[in-house]
Protein backbone atom coordinates (compact mmCIF):
# COMPACT_ATOMS: atom_id res chain seq x y z
CA CYS A 1 58.21 149.65 122.25
CA ASP A 2 58.73 153.32 121.49
CA CYS A 3 55.05 154.34 121.31
CA TYR A 4 53.52 157.79 121.74
CA ARG A 5 50.11 159.43 122.08
CA PRO A 6 48.85 161.70 119.29
CA ASP A 7 50.05 164.73 121.33
CA GLY A 8 53.63 163.36 121.25
CA THR A 9 53.87 162.21 124.87
CA PRO A 10 55.05 158.64 125.51
CA ILE A 11 52.41 156.07 126.44
CA PRO A 12 52.72 154.71 130.04
CA GLY A 13 54.33 151.43 128.89
CA ASN A 14 57.03 153.17 126.83
CA ALA A 15 60.08 152.15 128.88
CA ARG A 16 62.33 153.01 125.94
CA PHE A 17 61.60 156.73 126.37
CA ASN A 18 63.16 156.86 129.85
CA ALA A 19 65.93 154.45 128.88
CA ALA A 20 66.87 156.70 125.95
CA LYS A 21 67.18 159.66 128.34
CA ILE A 22 69.61 157.67 130.50
CA PHE A 23 71.62 156.50 127.50
CA ASP A 24 71.78 160.09 126.21
CA GLN A 25 73.38 161.17 129.51
CA THR A 26 76.17 158.63 129.07
CA HIS A 27 76.81 158.82 125.34
CA ASN A 28 80.21 160.51 125.85
CA SER A 29 81.50 157.33 127.52
CA HIS A 30 80.63 155.36 124.35
CA PRO A 31 79.11 152.35 126.14
CA TRP A 32 79.29 149.11 124.20
CA PHE A 33 76.97 146.22 124.88
CA GLY A 34 77.06 142.64 123.72
CA LEU A 35 74.29 140.18 124.53
CA GLU A 36 74.42 136.39 124.52
CA GLN A 37 70.91 134.95 124.09
CA GLU A 38 70.51 131.28 124.98
CA TYR A 39 67.51 129.28 123.79
CA THR A 40 66.31 125.69 123.44
CA LEU A 41 64.91 124.20 120.25
CA TYR A 42 61.74 122.21 120.93
CA ASP A 43 59.73 119.73 118.96
CA PRO A 44 56.27 121.35 119.25
CA VAL A 45 54.41 118.04 118.97
CA LYS A 46 56.45 116.09 121.54
CA ARG A 47 56.97 119.22 123.73
CA TRP A 48 60.53 118.06 124.29
CA PRO A 49 63.94 119.45 123.28
CA LEU A 50 65.15 118.70 119.77
CA GLY A 51 67.34 115.58 119.67
CA TRP A 52 66.10 114.15 122.97
CA PRO A 53 64.59 110.66 123.00
CA GLU A 54 60.80 110.84 123.31
CA GLY A 55 59.90 110.93 127.00
CA GLY A 56 63.49 110.18 127.99
CA TYR A 57 66.82 111.84 128.52
CA PRO A 58 70.00 111.98 126.44
CA ARG A 59 73.53 111.27 127.64
CA ALA A 60 74.75 113.54 130.44
CA GLN A 61 75.81 117.09 129.67
CA GLY A 62 79.35 117.55 128.51
CA PRO A 63 79.87 116.65 124.85
CA TYR A 64 77.32 119.16 123.52
CA TYR A 65 78.97 122.52 124.30
CA CYS A 66 80.38 124.03 121.08
CA SER A 67 79.94 120.58 119.57
CA VAL A 68 79.86 119.13 116.09
CA GLY A 69 78.40 115.90 114.80
CA ALA A 70 74.92 114.44 114.43
CA THR A 71 74.99 112.82 117.88
CA ASN A 72 75.91 116.06 119.68
CA ALA A 73 74.59 119.09 117.79
CA TYR A 74 70.83 119.12 117.16
CA GLY A 75 69.40 121.85 114.93
CA ARG A 76 72.51 123.34 113.35
CA ASP A 77 70.65 123.90 110.07
CA ILE A 78 68.16 126.08 111.98
CA VAL A 79 70.94 127.98 113.78
CA GLU A 80 72.77 128.71 110.54
CA ALA A 81 69.57 129.80 108.77
CA HIS A 82 68.88 132.17 111.66
CA TYR A 83 72.39 133.59 111.47
CA ARG A 84 72.16 134.20 107.71
CA ALA A 85 68.70 135.79 108.04
CA CYS A 86 69.98 138.14 110.76
CA LEU A 87 72.93 139.18 108.60
CA ALA A 88 70.60 139.82 105.65
CA ALA A 89 68.34 141.95 107.89
CA GLY A 90 71.23 144.08 109.16
CA VAL A 91 71.15 142.68 112.70
CA LYS A 92 74.56 142.95 114.37
CA ILE A 93 74.81 139.23 115.04
CA CYS A 94 78.39 138.20 115.71
CA GLY A 95 78.33 134.53 116.65
CA SER A 96 76.47 131.39 117.61
CA ASN A 97 77.34 128.15 119.34
CA ALA A 98 75.83 124.97 120.73
CA GLU A 99 75.30 125.12 124.48
CA VAL A 100 75.78 122.65 127.34
CA MET A 101 72.34 121.03 127.17
CA PRO A 102 71.54 119.11 123.97
CA GLY A 103 69.17 121.09 121.74
CA GLN A 104 70.25 124.33 123.40
CA TRP A 105 72.00 127.08 121.45
CA GLU A 106 73.18 130.64 121.84
CA PHE A 107 73.58 133.61 119.54
CA GLN A 108 75.49 136.80 120.24
CA VAL A 109 74.62 140.33 119.13
CA GLY A 110 76.86 143.36 119.35
CA PRO A 111 78.93 145.16 120.06
CA CYS A 112 76.38 147.96 119.83
CA GLU A 113 76.68 151.40 121.30
CA GLY A 114 73.94 152.46 123.67
CA ILE A 115 70.27 151.69 123.37
CA SER A 116 70.52 150.16 119.89
CA ILE A 117 71.54 146.81 121.46
CA GLY A 118 67.91 146.27 122.45
CA ASP A 119 66.76 146.74 118.87
CA HIS A 120 69.25 144.19 117.57
CA LEU A 121 68.31 141.66 120.27
CA TRP A 122 64.56 142.00 119.64
CA MET A 123 64.97 141.65 115.89
CA ALA A 124 67.28 138.64 116.31
CA ARG A 125 64.67 137.00 118.56
CA TYR A 126 61.89 137.75 116.09
CA ILE A 127 63.92 136.31 113.21
CA LEU A 128 64.75 133.23 115.31
CA HIS A 129 61.04 132.53 115.86
CA ARG A 130 60.27 133.06 112.16
CA VAL A 131 63.07 130.75 111.03
CA CYS A 132 61.94 128.11 113.52
CA GLU A 133 58.44 128.34 112.03
CA ASP A 134 59.89 127.38 108.64
CA PHE A 135 61.58 124.33 110.20
CA GLY A 136 58.54 123.27 112.22
CA VAL A 137 60.26 123.73 115.59
CA GLU A 138 59.89 126.14 118.47
CA ALA A 139 62.54 128.38 120.04
CA VAL A 140 62.02 128.47 123.81
CA LEU A 141 63.59 131.23 125.92
CA ASP A 142 62.52 129.62 129.21
CA PRO A 143 65.29 130.02 131.83
CA LYS A 144 64.84 126.41 132.99
CA PRO A 145 63.37 124.49 130.05
CA VAL A 146 63.94 121.03 131.57
CA GLU A 147 63.73 120.19 135.26
CA GLY A 148 66.61 118.36 136.90
CA ASP A 149 70.34 118.58 136.42
CA TRP A 150 70.18 120.32 133.04
CA ASN A 151 71.60 123.73 132.29
CA GLY A 152 69.24 126.65 132.15
CA ALA A 153 69.19 129.39 129.54
CA GLY A 154 69.68 133.12 129.96
CA CYS A 155 70.74 136.30 128.27
CA HIS A 156 74.18 137.38 129.40
CA THR A 157 75.40 140.95 129.10
CA ASN A 158 78.87 142.16 128.19
CA PHE A 159 79.59 145.84 128.79
CA SER A 160 82.43 148.30 128.44
CA THR A 161 83.04 152.02 128.10
CA GLU A 162 85.66 153.69 125.96
CA GLU A 163 87.83 154.21 129.07
CA MET A 164 87.66 150.48 129.84
CA ARG A 165 88.77 149.61 126.30
CA ARG A 166 91.86 151.84 126.39
CA ASP A 167 95.33 150.83 127.59
CA GLY A 168 95.19 150.77 131.38
CA GLY A 169 91.42 150.23 131.27
CA TYR A 170 91.55 147.61 133.97
CA GLU A 171 91.46 150.35 136.64
CA ALA A 172 88.26 151.74 135.10
CA ILE A 173 86.74 148.25 135.21
CA LEU A 174 87.60 147.89 138.90
CA ARG A 175 86.04 151.30 139.69
CA ALA A 176 82.85 150.31 137.87
CA ILE A 177 82.67 147.04 139.80
CA GLU A 178 83.09 148.89 143.12
CA ARG A 179 80.26 151.29 142.19
CA LEU A 180 77.95 148.30 141.67
CA GLY A 181 78.26 147.56 145.38
């Protein structure tokens, strides 16, 4: 949160204040960010992923990724309602897809320049939880929602600068990778 004391100084937990200073130092490079947020839809009563047999396991992973059909894609109505609500709210949502584990989905936000990506991600998450409320399900961001040989969930980052997006930008990408160590 971007919170301040009455005297205008940032409160101790205001990480955005320092992040904004860093982003301001790099604004000439026009950094673009895209985030891919994975999540699992849960039945809050059964405490089990949507579409899974009660207390049991579905078919092995494989047919669910970017899937269609009632036996592969569980919760599409929720995903599409979330997408429409984000668009209506002005969130820069740019995609969604079913993930590898049944009941698991992903949405993408961006590209956004600089610190605004965080705002779009937080609002998209908030809207996801509100939409799930309306459908009587829960959106779980747990990185390993089901033990065993089932895919986890994360939030993947895509990044580029203006130099990387130009013709010949591959060299800029390689330099950035080398600077990461």
